[in-house]
PDB file of N, CA and C in Angstrom:
ATOM      1  N   MET A   1      79.990  72.889 111.670  1.00  0.00           N
ATOM      2  CA  MET A   1      80.465  73.723 110.290  1.00  0.00           C
ATOM      3  C   MET A   1      81.017  74.928 110.659  1.00  0.00           C
ATOM      4  N   LYS A   2      80.275  75.879 111.362  1.00  0.00           N
ATOM      5  CA  LYS A   2      80.795  77.300 111.657  1.00  0.00           C
ATOM      6  C   LYS A   2      81.953  77.338 111.937  1.00  0.00           C
ATOM      7  N   LYS A   3      82.726  76.526 113.423  1.00  0.00           N
ATOM      8  CA  LYS A   3      83.738  76.358 113.320  1.00  0.00           C
ATOM      9  C   LYS A   3      84.803  76.238 112.508  1.00  0.00           C
ATOM     10  N   LEU A   4      84.683  75.086 111.228  1.00  0.00           N
ATOM     11  CA  LEU A   4      85.169  75.112 110.191  1.00  0.00           C
ATOM     12  C   LEU A   4      85.557  75.987 109.286  1.00  0.00           C
ATOM     13  N   LYS A   5      83.973  76.923 109.263  1.00  0.00           N
ATOM     14  CA  LYS A   5      84.581  78.123 108.102  1.00  0.00           C
ATOM     15  C   LYS A   5      85.314  78.967 108.641  1.00  0.00           C
ATOM     16  N   LEU A   6      85.035  79.106 110.080  1.00  0.00           N
ATOM     17  CA  LEU A   6      85.940  80.075 110.908  1.00  0.00           C
ATOM     18  C   LEU A   6      87.281  80.005 110.613  1.00  0.00           C
ATOM     19  N   PHE A   7      87.825  78.505 111.196  1.00  0.00           N
ATOM     20  CA  PHE A   7      89.173  78.341 110.979  1.00  0.00           C
ATOM     21  C   PHE A   7      89.698  78.240 109.381  1.00  0.00           C
ATOM     22  N   ILE A   8      88.983  78.140 108.615  1.00  0.00           N
ATOM     23  CA  ILE A   8      89.669  78.400 107.303  1.00  0.00           C
ATOM     24  C   ILE A   8      89.898  79.639 106.735  1.00  0.00           C
ATOM     25  N   HIS A   9      88.693  80.710 107.101  1.00  0.00           N
ATOM     26  CA  HIS A   9      88.991  82.211 106.774  1.00  0.00           C
ATOM     27  C   HIS A   9      90.150  82.586 107.707  1.00  0.00           C
ATOM     28  N   ILE A  10      90.271  82.436 109.065  1.00  0.00           N
ATOM     29  CA  ILE A  10      91.394  82.794 109.714  1.00  0.00           C
ATOM     30  C   ILE A  10      92.801  82.197 109.203  1.00  0.00           C
ATOM     31  N   PHE A  11      92.738  80.967 108.834  1.00  0.00           N
ATOM     32  CA  PHE A  11      94.067  80.791 108.371  1.00  0.00           C
ATOM     33  C   PHE A  11      94.353  80.727 106.894  1.00  0.00           C
ATOM     34  N   LEU A  12      93.391  81.413 106.001  1.00  0.00           N
ATOM     35  CA  LEU A  12      93.433  81.841 104.894  1.00  0.00           C
ATOM     36  C   LEU A  12      94.119  83.753 105.212  1.00  0.00           C
ATOM     37  N   LEU A  13      93.575  84.654 106.029  1.00  0.00           N
ATOM     38  CA  LEU A  13      93.888  85.474 106.509  1.00  0.00           C
ATOM     39  C   LEU A  13      95.281  85.538 106.681  1.00  0.00           C
ATOM     40  N   PHE A  14      96.012  84.889 107.753  1.00  0.00           N
ATOM     41  CA  PHE A  14      97.386  84.693 108.146  1.00  0.00           C
ATOM     42  C   PHE A  14      98.158  84.386 107.119  1.00  0.00           C
ATOM     43  N   ASN A  15      97.831  83.468 106.357  1.00  0.00           N
ATOM     44  CA  ASN A  15      98.390  83.400 105.117  1.00  0.00           C
ATOM     45  C   ASN A  15      98.584  83.462 103.924  1.00  0.00           C
ATOM     46  N   LEU A  16      97.600  84.966 103.703  1.00  0.00           N
ATOM     47  CA  LEU A  16      98.012  85.341 102.113  1.00  0.00           C
ATOM     48  C   LEU A  16      99.244  86.075 101.837  1.00  0.00           C
ATOM     49  N   PRO A  17     100.245  86.580 103.109  1.00  0.00           N
ATOM     50  CA  PRO A  17     101.341  86.981 102.818  1.00  0.00           C
ATOM     51  C   PRO A  17     102.198  86.232 102.057  1.00  0.00           C
ATOM     52  N   VAL A  18     102.105  84.673 102.937  1.00  0.00           N
ATOM     53  CA  VAL A  18     102.692  83.722 102.230  1.00  0.00           C
ATOM     54  C   VAL A  18     102.874  83.664 100.826  1.00  0.00           C
ATOM     55  N   PHE A  19     102.098  83.375  99.984  1.00  0.00           N
ATOM     56  CA  PHE A  19     101.611  83.384  98.789  1.00  0.00           C
ATOM     57  C   PHE A  19     102.109  84.328  98.051  1.00  0.00           C
ATOM     58  N   SER A  20     102.426  85.877  99.086  1.00  0.00           N
ATOM     59  CA  SER A  20     102.922  86.637  97.610  1.00  0.00           C
ATOM     60  C   SER A  20     104.760  86.531  97.427  1.00  0.00           C
ATOM     61  N   GLN A  21     105.229  87.011  96.994  1.00  0.00           N
ATOM     62  CA  GLN A  21     106.830  86.871  96.849  1.00  0.00           C
ATOM     63  C   GLN A  21     107.751  88.113  96.499  1.00  0.00           C
ATOM     64  N   GLN A  22     109.104  88.141  97.092  1.00  0.00           N
ATOM     65  CA  GLN A  22     109.648  89.389  96.679  1.00  0.00           C
ATOM     66  C   GLN A  22     110.039  89.527  95.223  1.00  0.00           C
ATOM     67  N   VAL A  23     110.114  90.994  95.098  1.00  0.00           N
ATOM     68  CA  VAL A  23     110.545  91.374  93.658  1.00  0.00           C
ATOM     69  C   VAL A  23     111.525  92.572  94.232  1.00  0.00           C
ATOM     70  N   SER A  24     112.664  92.826  93.527  1.00  0.00           N
ATOM     71  CA  SER A  24     113.861  93.352  93.698  1.00  0.00           C
ATOM     72  C   SER A  24     114.225  94.352  92.118  1.00  0.00           C
ATOM     73  N   ILE A  25     113.711  95.111  92.130  1.00  0.00           N
ATOM     74  CA  ILE A  25     114.619  96.096  90.763  1.00  0.00           C
ATOM     75  C   ILE A  25     115.384  97.339  91.254  1.00  0.00           C
ATOM     76  N   LYS A  26     116.605  96.932  90.583  1.00  0.00           N
ATOM     77  CA  LYS A  26     117.707  97.869  91.172  1.00  0.00           C
ATOM     78  C   LYS A  26     118.442  98.455  90.066  1.00  0.00           C
ATOM     79  N   GLY A  27     119.146  99.855  90.009  1.00  0.00           N
ATOM     80  CA  GLY A  27     119.510 100.726  88.669  1.00  0.00           C
ATOM     81  C   GLY A  27     120.532 101.318  89.204  1.00  0.00           C
ATOM     82  N   ASN A  28     121.084 102.471  88.117  1.00  0.00           N
ATOM     83  CA  ASN A  28     122.000 103.411  88.642  1.00  0.00           C
ATOM     84  C   ASN A  28     121.437 104.546  87.359  1.00  0.00           C
ATOM     85  N   ALA A  29     121.171 105.580  88.351  1.00  0.00           N
ATOM     86  CA  ALA A  29     120.682 106.902  87.301  1.00  0.00           C
ATOM     87  C   ALA A  29     121.162 107.859  88.085  1.00  0.00           C
ATOM     88  N   LYS A  30     122.307 108.451  87.543  1.00  0.00           N
ATOM     89  CA  LYS A  30     122.764 109.359  88.075  1.00  0.00           C
ATOM     90  C   LYS A  30     122.218 110.732  88.275  1.00  0.00           C
ATOM     91  N   SER A  31     121.125 110.991  87.069  1.00  0.00           N
ATOM     92  CA  SER A  31     120.860 112.412  86.823  1.00  0.00           C
ATOM     93  C   SER A  31     119.564 112.376  87.321  1.00  0.00           C
ATOM     94  N   TYR A  32     118.847 111.484  88.383  1.00  0.00           N
ATOM     95  CA  TYR A  32     118.075 111.599  89.630  1.00  0.00           C
ATOM     96  C   TYR A  32     118.470 111.739  91.112  1.00  0.00           C
ATOM     97  N   ALA A  33     119.952 111.351  91.183  1.00  0.00           N
ATOM     98  CA  ALA A  33     120.541 111.403  92.593  1.00  0.00           C
ATOM     99  C   ALA A  33     119.947 112.228  93.108  1.00  0.00           C
ATOM    100  N   GLY A  34     119.691 112.012  94.645  1.00  0.00           N
ATOM    101  CA  GLY A  34     119.223 113.100  95.643  1.00  0.00           C
ATOM    102  C   GLY A  34     117.540 112.764  95.404  1.00  0.00           C
ATOM    103  N   GLU A  35     116.746 112.302  94.579  1.00  0.00           N
ATOM    104  CA  GLU A  35     115.314 111.964  94.136  1.00  0.00           C
ATOM    105  C   GLU A  35     115.137 110.856  95.359  1.00  0.00           C
ATOM    106  N   GLU A  36     113.908 110.937  95.504  1.00  0.00           N
ATOM    107  CA  GLU A  36     112.697 109.979  95.402  1.00  0.00           C
ATOM    108  C   GLU A  36     111.931 109.478  94.372  1.00  0.00           C
ATOM    109  N   LEU A  37     111.724 108.205  93.958  1.00  0.00           N
ATOM    110  CA  LEU A  37     111.280 107.673  92.837  1.00  0.00           C
ATOM    111  C   LEU A  37     110.097 106.548  93.646  1.00  0.00           C
ATOM    112  N   ILE A  38     109.047 106.418  92.934  1.00  0.00           N
ATOM    113  CA  ILE A  38     107.866 106.192  93.472  1.00  0.00           C
ATOM    114  C   ILE A  38     107.850 104.913  91.994  1.00  0.00           C
ATOM    115  N   TRP A  39     107.494 103.641  92.519  1.00  0.00           N
ATOM    116  CA  TRP A  39     107.140 102.532  91.441  1.00  0.00           C
ATOM    117  C   TRP A  39     105.642 102.111  91.625  1.00  0.00           C
ATOM    118  N   LYS A  40     104.967 101.978  90.645  1.00  0.00           N
ATOM    119  CA  LYS A  40     103.553 101.790  90.907  1.00  0.00           C
ATOM    120  C   LYS A  40     103.153 100.829  90.250  1.00  0.00           C
ATOM    121  N   CYS A  41     101.547 100.567  90.351  1.00  0.00           N
ATOM    122  CA  CYS A  41     101.110  99.439  89.264  1.00  0.00           C
ATOM    123  C   CYS A  41      99.652  99.765  89.498  1.00  0.00           C
ATOM    124  N   TYR A  42      98.411  99.502  88.528  1.00  0.00           N
ATOM    125  CA  TYR A  42      97.279  99.884  88.897  1.00  0.00           C
ATOM    126  C   TYR A  42      96.880  99.075  89.654  1.00  0.00           C
ATOM    127  N   ASP A  43      95.629  99.563  90.116  1.00  0.00           N
ATOM    128  CA  ASP A  43      94.629  99.244  91.136  1.00  0.00           C
ATOM    129  C   ASP A  43      94.048  97.751  90.539  1.00  0.00           C
ATOM    130  N   ASP A  44      93.303  98.225  89.687  1.00  0.00           N
ATOM    131  CA  ASP A  44      92.782  97.192  88.697  1.00  0.00           C
ATOM    132  C   ASP A  44      92.721  97.737  87.181  1.00  0.00           C
ATOM    133  N   GLN A  45      92.387  97.224  86.398  1.00  0.00           N
ATOM    134  CA  GLN A  45      92.547  97.328  84.960  1.00  0.00           C
ATOM    135  C   GLN A  45      91.129  97.629  84.216  1.00  0.00           C
ATOM    136  N   ILE A  46      90.266  98.423  85.600  1.00  0.00           N
ATOM    137  CA  ILE A  46      88.641  99.275  84.848  1.00  0.00           C
ATOM    138  C   ILE A  46      89.047 100.261  85.471  1.00  0.00           C
ATOM    139  N   SER A  47      88.840 100.561  86.509  1.00  0.00           N
ATOM    140  CA  SER A  47      89.310 102.272  87.025  1.00  0.00           C
ATOM    141  C   SER A  47      90.652 102.628  86.700  1.00  0.00           C
ATOM    142  N   PHE A  48      91.731 102.370  87.003  1.00  0.00           N
ATOM    143  CA  PHE A  48      93.020 102.512  86.380  1.00  0.00           C
ATOM    144  C   PHE A  48      93.653 103.484  87.308  1.00  0.00           C
ATOM    145  N   ASN A  49      93.112 103.422  88.734  1.00  0.00           N
ATOM    146  CA  ASN A  49      93.783 103.713  90.023  1.00  0.00           C
ATOM    147  C   ASN A  49      94.963 103.560  89.789  1.00  0.00           C
ATOM    148  N   GLU A  50      95.844 104.324  90.463  1.00  0.00           N
ATOM    149  CA  GLU A  50      97.457 104.290  90.452  1.00  0.00           C
ATOM    150  C   GLU A  50      97.525 103.720  91.965  1.00  0.00           C
ATOM    151  N   LYS A  51      98.329 102.435  92.333  1.00  0.00           N
ATOM    152  CA  LYS A  51      98.795 102.224  93.472  1.00  0.00           C
ATOM    153  C   LYS A  51     100.310 101.721  93.186  1.00  0.00           C
ATOM    154  N   GLU A  52     100.484 102.928  94.752  1.00  0.00           N
ATOM    155  CA  GLU A  52     102.145 102.701  95.017  1.00  0.00           C
ATOM    156  C   GLU A  52     102.670 101.010  95.445  1.00  0.00           C
ATOM    157  N   LEU A  53     103.767 100.792  94.962  1.00  0.00           N
ATOM    158  CA  LEU A  53     104.091  99.223  95.304  1.00  0.00           C
ATOM    159  C   LEU A  53     105.311  99.703  96.013  1.00  0.00           C
ATOM    160  N   ALA A  54     106.192 100.836  96.200  1.00  0.00           N
ATOM    161  CA  ALA A  54     107.464 100.799  96.611  1.00  0.00           C
ATOM    162  C   ALA A  54     107.951 102.133  96.387  1.00  0.00           C
ATOM    163  N   ARG A  55     109.128 102.886  97.362  1.00  0.00           N
ATOM    164  CA  ARG A  55     109.698 104.062  96.951  1.00  0.00           C
ATOM    165  C   ARG A  55     111.513 104.028  97.007  1.00  0.00           C
ATOM    166  N   ALA A  56     112.144 104.822  96.463  1.00  0.00           N
ATOM    167  CA  ALA A  56     113.458 104.341  96.929  1.00  0.00           C
ATOM    168  C   ALA A  56     113.934 105.524  96.717  1.00  0.00           C
ATOM    169  N   PHE A  57     114.902 105.513  97.103  1.00  0.00           N
ATOM    170  CA  PHE A  57     115.573 106.937  97.487  1.00  0.00           C
ATOM    171  C   PHE A  57     117.210 106.853  96.723  1.00  0.00           C
ATOM    172  N   VAL A  58     117.421 107.927  95.397  1.00  0.00           N
ATOM    173  CA  VAL A  58     118.536 107.542  94.488  1.00  0.00           C
ATOM    174  C   VAL A  58     119.549 108.748  95.254  1.00  0.00           C
ATOM    175  N   ASN A  59     120.772 107.258  95.633  1.00  0.00           N
ATOM    176  CA  ASN A  59     121.726 107.693  96.323  1.00  0.00           C
ATOM    177  C   ASN A  59     123.254 108.592  95.471  1.00  0.00           C
ATOM    178  N   ASN A  60     123.822 109.487  95.907  1.00  0.00           N
ATOM    179  CA  ASN A  60     124.638 110.474  95.257  1.00  0.00           C
ATOM    180  C   ASN A  60     125.371 109.679  94.193  1.00  0.00           C
ATOM    181  N   ASP A  61     125.347 108.456  94.263  1.00  0.00           N
ATOM    182  CA  ASP A  61     125.934 107.531  93.319  1.00  0.00           C
ATOM    183  C   ASP A  61     125.095 107.489  91.838  1.00  0.00           C
ATOM    184  N   GLY A  62     123.720 107.497  92.315  1.00  0.00           N
ATOM    185  CA  GLY A  62     122.771 107.301  91.253  1.00  0.00           C
ATOM    186  C   GLY A  62     122.198 105.916  91.609  1.00  0.00           C
ATOM    187  N   ASP A  63     122.784 105.108  92.412  1.00  0.00           N
ATOM    188  CA  ASP A  63     121.832 104.071  92.919  1.00  0.00           C
ATOM    189  C   ASP A  63     120.672 104.040  93.320  1.00  0.00           C
ATOM    190  N   PHE A  64     119.711 102.948  93.384  1.00  0.00           N
ATOM    191  CA  PHE A  64     118.804 102.948  93.767  1.00  0.00           C
ATOM    192  C   PHE A  64     118.247 100.830  93.910  1.00  0.00           C
ATOM    193  N   VAL A  65     117.163 101.100  94.947  1.00  0.00           N
ATOM    194  CA  VAL A  65     116.796  99.641  94.985  1.00  0.00           C
ATOM    195  C   VAL A  65     115.122  99.780  95.359  1.00  0.00           C
ATOM    196  N   PHE A  66     114.578  98.996  94.639  1.00  0.00           N
ATOM    197  CA  PHE A  66     112.591  98.972  95.131  1.00  0.00           C
ATOM    198  C   PHE A  66     113.014  97.797  95.877  1.00  0.00           C
ATOM    199  N   THR A  67     112.220  97.340  96.575  1.00  0.00           N
ATOM    200  CA  THR A  67     112.038  95.910  97.025  1.00  0.00           C
ATOM    201  C   THR A  67     110.289  95.958  97.750  1.00  0.00           C
ATOM    202  N   PHE A  68     109.569  94.875  97.280  1.00  0.00           N
ATOM    203  CA  PHE A  68     108.204  94.617  97.297  1.00  0.00           C
ATOM    204  C   PHE A  68     107.422  93.500  97.076  1.00  0.00           C
ATOM    205  N   ARG A  69     106.328  93.323  97.563  1.00  0.00           N
ATOM    206  CA  ARG A  69     105.930  91.624  97.706  1.00  0.00           C
ATOM    207  C   ARG A  69     104.688  91.442  96.312  1.00  0.00           C
ATOM    208  N   ILE A  70     104.748  91.068  95.410  1.00  0.00           N
ATOM    209  CA  ILE A  70     103.336  90.448  94.654  1.00  0.00           C
ATOM    210  C   ILE A  70     103.457  89.181  94.934  1.00  0.00           C
ATOM    211  N   SER A  71     101.887  88.843  94.137  1.00  0.00           N
ATOM    212  CA  SER A  71     101.260  87.371  94.179  1.00  0.00           C
ATOM    213  C   SER A  71     101.190  86.760  92.813  1.00  0.00           C
ATOM    214  N   GLU A  72     101.352  87.678  91.672  1.00  0.00           N
ATOM    215  CA  GLU A  72     101.113  87.477  90.002  1.00  0.00           C
ATOM    216  C   GLU A  72     101.860  88.179  89.227  1.00  0.00           C
ATOM    217  N   THR A  73     101.958  88.114  88.452  1.00  0.00           N
ATOM    218  CA  THR A  73     102.750  88.681  87.112  1.00  0.00           C
ATOM    219  C   THR A  73     101.695  90.124  87.087  1.00  0.00           C
ATOM    220  N   ILE A  74     102.408  91.183  86.891  1.00  0.00           N
ATOM    221  CA  ILE A  74     101.792  92.491  87.012  1.00  0.00           C
ATOM    222  C   ILE A  74     102.257  93.361  86.083  1.00  0.00           C
ATOM    223  N   LEU A  75     101.502  94.194  85.067  1.00  0.00           N
ATOM    224  CA  LEU A  75     102.251  95.953  84.269  1.00  0.00           C
ATOM    225  C   LEU A  75     102.472  96.866  86.131  1.00  0.00           C
ATOM    226  N   SER A  76     104.275  97.039  85.832  1.00  0.00           N
ATOM    227  CA  SER A  76     103.767  97.983  86.553  1.00  0.00           C
ATOM    228  C   SER A  76     104.586  99.517  85.909  1.00  0.00           C
ATOM    229  N   PHE A  77     105.036 100.056  86.733  1.00  0.00           N
ATOM    230  CA  PHE A  77     105.564 101.913  85.980  1.00  0.00           C
ATOM    231  C   PHE A  77     106.257 102.787  86.958  1.00  0.00           C
ATOM    232  N   ILE A  78     106.550 103.303  86.365  1.00  0.00           N
ATOM    233  CA  ILE A  78     107.220 104.995  87.184  1.00  0.00           C
ATOM    234  C   ILE A  78     107.025 105.739  86.496  1.00  0.00           C
ATOM    235  N   HIS A  79     106.674 107.301  87.029  1.00  0.00           N
ATOM    236  CA  HIS A  79     106.477 108.547  86.293  1.00  0.00           C
ATOM    237  C   HIS A  79     108.032 109.085  86.390  1.00  0.00           C
ATOM    238  N   LEU A  80     108.691 109.577  85.226  1.00  0.00           N
ATOM    239  CA  LEU A  80     109.680 110.157  85.541  1.00  0.00           C
ATOM    240  C   LEU A  80     109.608 111.433  84.491  1.00  0.00           C
ATOM    241  N   ASN A  81     108.888 112.615  85.118  1.00  0.00           N
ATOM    242  CA  ASN A  81     108.704 113.926  84.730  1.00  0.00           C
ATOM    243  C   ASN A  81     108.172 113.526  83.292  1.00  0.00           C
ATOM    244  N   VAL A  82     108.810 113.713  82.255  1.00  0.00           N
ATOM    245  CA  VAL A  82     108.353 113.598  80.762  1.00  0.00           C
ATOM    246  C   VAL A  82     108.091 112.317  80.435  1.00  0.00           C
ATOM    247  N   PHE A  83     108.261 111.007  80.923  1.00  0.00           N
ATOM    248  CA  PHE A  83     108.587 109.853  80.630  1.00  0.00           C
ATOM    249  C   PHE A  83     107.504 109.001  81.752  1.00  0.00           C
ATOM    250  N   LYS A  84     107.530 107.875  80.882  1.00  0.00           N
ATOM    251  CA  LYS A  84     106.683 106.633  81.688  1.00  0.00           C
ATOM    252  C   LYS A  84     106.958 105.382  81.782  1.00  0.00           C
ATOM    253  N   GLY A  85     108.182 104.839  82.263  1.00  0.00           N
ATOM    254  CA  GLY A  85     108.574 103.857  82.238  1.00  0.00           C
ATOM    255  C   GLY A  85     107.731 102.664  82.631  1.00  0.00           C
ATOM    256  N   ILE A  86     107.463 101.569  81.277  1.00  0.00           N
ATOM    257  CA  ILE A  86     106.681 100.483  81.859  1.00  0.00           C
ATOM    258  C   ILE A  86     107.469  99.027  82.101  1.00  0.00           C
ATOM    259  N   LEU A  87     107.351  97.918  82.960  1.00  0.00           N
ATOM    260  CA  LEU A  87     107.775  97.178  82.807  1.00  0.00           C
ATOM    261  C   LEU A  87     106.976  96.104  83.638  1.00  0.00           C
ATOM    262  N   TYR A  88     106.805  94.850  82.844  1.00  0.00           N
ATOM    263  CA  TYR A  88     106.039  93.557  83.446  1.00  0.00           C
ATOM    264  C   TYR A  88     106.910  92.953  84.381  1.00  0.00           C
ATOM    265  N   ILE A  89     106.631  92.677  85.425  1.00  0.00           N
ATOM    266  CA  ILE A  89     107.496  91.810  86.667  1.00  0.00           C
ATOM    267  C   ILE A  89     106.292  90.945  87.119  1.00  0.00           C
ATOM    268  N   GLU A  90     107.389  89.941  87.202  1.00  0.00           N
ATOM    269  CA  GLU A  90     106.808  88.557  88.289  1.00  0.00           C
ATOM    270  C   GLU A  90     107.366  88.463  89.186  1.00  0.00           C
ATOM    271  N   PRO A  91     106.658  87.898  89.866  1.00  0.00           N
ATOM    272  CA  PRO A  91     106.956  87.382  91.498  1.00  0.00           C
ATOM    273  C   PRO A  91     108.569  86.964  91.506  1.00  0.00           C
ATOM    274  N   ASN A  92     108.937  86.676  92.804  1.00  0.00           N
ATOM    275  CA  ASN A  92     110.282  86.153  93.027  1.00  0.00           C
ATOM    276  C   ASN A  92     111.743  86.533  91.823  1.00  0.00           C
ATOM    277  N   LYS A  93     111.633  87.651  91.371  1.00  0.00           N
ATOM    278  CA  LYS A  93     112.456  87.958  90.307  1.00  0.00           C
ATOM    279  C   LYS A  93     113.558  89.066  90.737  1.00  0.00           C
ATOM    280  N   ASP A  94     114.605  89.218  90.846  1.00  0.00           N
ATOM    281  CA  ASP A  94     115.448  90.403  90.870  1.00  0.00           C
ATOM    282  C   ASP A  94     115.642  90.943  89.130  1.00  0.00           C
ATOM    283  N   TYR A  95     115.436  92.258  89.257  1.00  0.00           N
ATOM    284  CA  TYR A  95     115.513  93.173  87.829  1.00  0.00           C
ATOM    285  C   TYR A  95     116.772  93.996  88.140  1.00  0.00           C
ATOM    286  N   GLU A  96     117.854  94.123  86.770  1.00  0.00           N
ATOM    287  CA  GLU A  96     118.332  95.298  87.066  1.00  0.00           C
ATOM    288  C   GLU A  96     117.922  96.296  85.688  1.00  0.00           C
ATOM    289  N   ILE A  97     117.625  98.025  85.815  1.00  0.00           N
ATOM    290  CA  ILE A  97     117.330  98.228  84.919  1.00  0.00           C
ATOM    291  C   ILE A  97     117.695  99.586  84.556  1.00  0.00           C
ATOM    292  N   ILE A  98     117.565  99.734  83.160  1.00  0.00           N
ATOM    293  CA  ILE A  98     118.141 101.463  82.837  1.00  0.00           C
ATOM    294  C   ILE A  98     117.370 102.535  82.596  1.00  0.00           C
ATOM    295  N   LEU A  99     117.398 103.340  83.534  1.00  0.00           N
ATOM    296  CA  LEU A  99     115.999 104.558  83.289  1.00  0.00           C
ATOM    297  C   LEU A  99     117.023 105.793  82.400  1.00  0.00           C
ATOM    298  N   PRO A 100     115.895 106.325  81.585  1.00  0.00           N
ATOM    299  CA  PRO A 100     116.718 107.272  80.989  1.00  0.00           C
ATOM    300  C   PRO A 100     117.256 108.603  81.791  1.00  0.00           C
ATOM    301  N   GLN A 101     118.322 109.697  80.805  1.00  0.00           N
ATOM    302  CA  GLN A 101     118.486 110.727  81.958  1.00  0.00           C
ATOM    303  C   GLN A 101     117.325 111.171  81.736  1.00  0.00           C
ATOM    304  N   LYS A 102     117.172 112.219  83.367  1.00  0.00           N
ATOM    305  CA  LYS A 102     116.283 113.202  83.661  1.00  0.00           C
ATOM    306  C   LYS A 102     116.445 114.046  82.432  1.00  0.00           C
ATOM    307  N   VAL A 103     114.748 114.621  82.142  1.00  0.00           N
ATOM    308  CA  VAL A 103     114.528 115.771  81.398  1.00  0.00           C
ATOM    309  C   VAL A 103     113.408 116.137  81.994  1.00  0.00           C
ATOM    310  N   ASN A 104     113.176 117.455  82.728  1.00  0.00           N
ATOM    311  CA  ASN A 104     112.530 118.148  83.007  1.00  0.00           C
ATOM    312  C   ASN A 104     111.230 118.490  82.604  1.00  0.00           C
ATOM    313  N   LYS A 105     110.178 118.581  82.819  1.00  0.00           N
ATOM    314  CA  LYS A 105     108.957 119.289  81.956  1.00  0.00           C
ATOM    315  C   LYS A 105     109.134 121.214  81.862  1.00  0.00           C
ATOM    316  N   LEU A 106     108.878 121.691  80.823  1.00  0.00           N
ATOM    317  CA  LEU A 106     108.874 122.826  80.513  1.00  0.00           C
ATOM    318  C   LEU A 106     107.751 123.413  81.224  1.00  0.00           C
ATOM    319  N   PRO A 107     108.129 124.709  81.387  1.00  0.00           N
ATOM    320  CA  PRO A 107     106.831 125.621  82.449  1.00  0.00           C
ATOM    321  C   PRO A 107     105.148 125.109  81.824  1.00  0.00           C
ATOM    322  N   GLU A 108     105.672 125.225  79.986  1.00  0.00           N
ATOM    323  CA  GLU A 108     104.099 125.521  79.739  1.00  0.00           C
ATOM    324  C   GLU A 108     103.458 123.789  79.574  1.00  0.00           C
ATOM    325  N   ASP A 109     104.104 122.804  79.745  1.00  0.00           N
ATOM    326  CA  ASP A 109     104.089 121.854  80.007  1.00  0.00           C
ATOM    327  C   ASP A 109     103.362 121.475  81.225  1.00  0.00           C
ATOM    328  N   GLU A 110     103.794 122.209  81.978  1.00  0.00           N
ATOM    329  CA  GLU A 110     103.132 122.042  83.571  1.00  0.00           C
ATOM    330  C   GLU A 110     101.889 122.551  83.718  1.00  0.00           C
ATOM    331  N   LEU A 111     101.836 123.770  83.463  1.00  0.00           N
ATOM    332  CA  LEU A 111     100.382 124.609  82.821  1.00  0.00           C
ATOM    333  C   LEU A 111      99.407 123.279  81.857  1.00  0.00           C
ATOM    334  N   ASN A 112     100.079 122.853  81.099  1.00  0.00           N
ATOM    335  CA  ASN A 112      99.272 122.233  79.984  1.00  0.00           C
ATOM    336  C   ASN A 112      98.303 121.211  80.562  1.00  0.00           C
ATOM    337  N   PRO A 113      96.715 120.798  80.994  1.00  0.00           N
ATOM    338  CA  PRO A 113      96.242 120.035  81.557  1.00  0.00           C
ATOM    339  C   PRO A 113      95.955 118.724  80.644  1.00  0.00           C
ATOM    340  N   PHE A 114      96.758 119.047  79.011  1.00  0.00           N
ATOM    341  CA  PHE A 114      96.306 117.689  78.276  1.00  0.00           C
ATOM    342  C   PHE A 114      97.862 116.993  78.310  1.00  0.00           C
ATOM    343  N   PHE A 115      98.800 117.222  78.807  1.00  0.00           N
ATOM    344  CA  PHE A 115     100.279 117.061  78.523  1.00  0.00           C
ATOM    345  C   PHE A 115     100.094 115.403  79.328  1.00  0.00           C
ATOM    346  N   GLU A 116     100.732 114.907  78.242  1.00  0.00           N
ATOM    347  CA  GLU A 116     100.633 113.076  78.971  1.00  0.00           C
ATOM    348  C   GLU A 116     102.306 112.692  78.238  1.00  0.00           C
ATOM    349  N   GLU A 117     102.254 111.868  79.326  1.00  0.00           N
ATOM    350  CA  GLU A 117     104.260 111.956  78.872  1.00  0.00           C
ATOM    351  C   GLU A 117     104.386 111.002  78.466  1.00  0.00           C
ATOM    352  N   THR A 118     105.551 110.604  77.620  1.00  0.00           N
ATOM    353  CA  THR A 118     105.709 109.526  76.695  1.00  0.00           C
ATOM    354  C   THR A 118     106.285 108.332  77.151  1.00  0.00           C
ATOM    355  N   GLU A 119     105.413 107.331  76.846  1.00  0.00           N
ATOM    356  CA  GLU A 119     105.732 105.852  77.604  1.00  0.00           C
ATOM    357  C   GLU A 119     106.722 105.134  76.911  1.00  0.00           C
ATOM    358  N   PHE A 120     107.307 104.635  77.397  1.00  0.00           N
ATOM    359  CA  PHE A 120     108.643 103.864  76.966  1.00  0.00           C
ATOM    360  C   PHE A 120     108.392 102.565  77.707  1.00  0.00           C
ATOM    361  N   HIS A 121     109.235 101.156  77.398  1.00  0.00           N
ATOM    362  CA  HIS A 121     109.132  99.815  77.928  1.00  0.00           C
ATOM    363  C   HIS A 121     110.913 100.016  78.876  1.00  0.00           C
ATOM    364  N   ILE A 122     110.730  99.436  79.476  1.00  0.00           N
ATOM    365  CA  ILE A 122     112.014  99.560  80.618  1.00  0.00           C
ATOM    366  C   ILE A 122     113.129  98.256  80.221  1.00  0.00           C
ATOM    367  N   ARG A 123     114.277  98.898  79.842  1.00  0.00           N
ATOM    368  CA  ARG A 123     115.570  97.911  79.289  1.00  0.00           C
ATOM    369  C   ARG A 123     115.533  97.212  80.806  1.00  0.00           C
ATOM    370  N   VAL A 124     115.489  95.567  80.887  1.00  0.00           N
ATOM    371  CA  VAL A 124     115.675  95.219  81.836  1.00  0.00           C
ATOM    372  C   VAL A 124     117.554  94.314  81.365  1.00  0.00           C
ATOM    373  N   LEU A 125     118.524  94.764  82.037  1.00  0.00           N
ATOM    374  CA  LEU A 125     119.955  94.445  81.841  1.00  0.00           C
ATOM    375  C   LEU A 125     120.065  92.858  81.940  1.00  0.00           C
ATOM    376  N   ASN A 126     119.042  92.189  83.081  1.00  0.00           N
ATOM    377  CA  ASN A 126     119.698  91.002  83.412  1.00  0.00           C
ATOM    378  C   ASN A 126     118.209  89.965  83.157  1.00  0.00           C
ATOM    379  N   ALA A 127     117.817  90.158  81.799  1.00  0.00           N
ATOM    380  CA  ALA A 127     116.254  89.586  81.269  1.00  0.00           C
ATOM    381  C   ALA A 127     116.461  87.854  81.083  1.00  0.00           C
ATOM    382  N   ASP A 128     115.796  87.415  81.297  1.00  0.00           N
ATOM    383  CA  ASP A 128     116.050  85.553  81.123  1.00  0.00           C
ATOM    384  C   ASP A 128     115.262  85.400  79.788  1.00  0.00           C
ATOM    385  N   GLU A 129     115.709  84.530  79.041  1.00  0.00           N
ATOM    386  CA  GLU A 129     115.150  84.500  77.762  1.00  0.00           C
ATOM    387  C   GLU A 129     113.968  84.058  77.767  1.00  0.00           C
TER     388      GLU A 129
END
């Protein structure tokens, strides 16, 4: 009986990555050229600790691609200085998105401990019905 439990645990441990599926998020944002962007999600919906999903470097033409694996539909987001873009993503999907023009924080916003980013829902160009 112990051997069976051990076998099941080992089987599940090595097959957990099989249950997750790849997601791709790409777009073009020339105003962010030369920057590294970080796509995130919440670790859990109680503490709201942020967890990094992927990083992407924006090339000189403004093109970027994020690729990562998830196992269920999640709420994800990206911090863009004064903006916070929100997107619900599903496993095994490819998204083509539009990001807003880059707006830098004002010096007084940098020093303001109560500054909050403006949230917006990211527009998906290839959205399904």
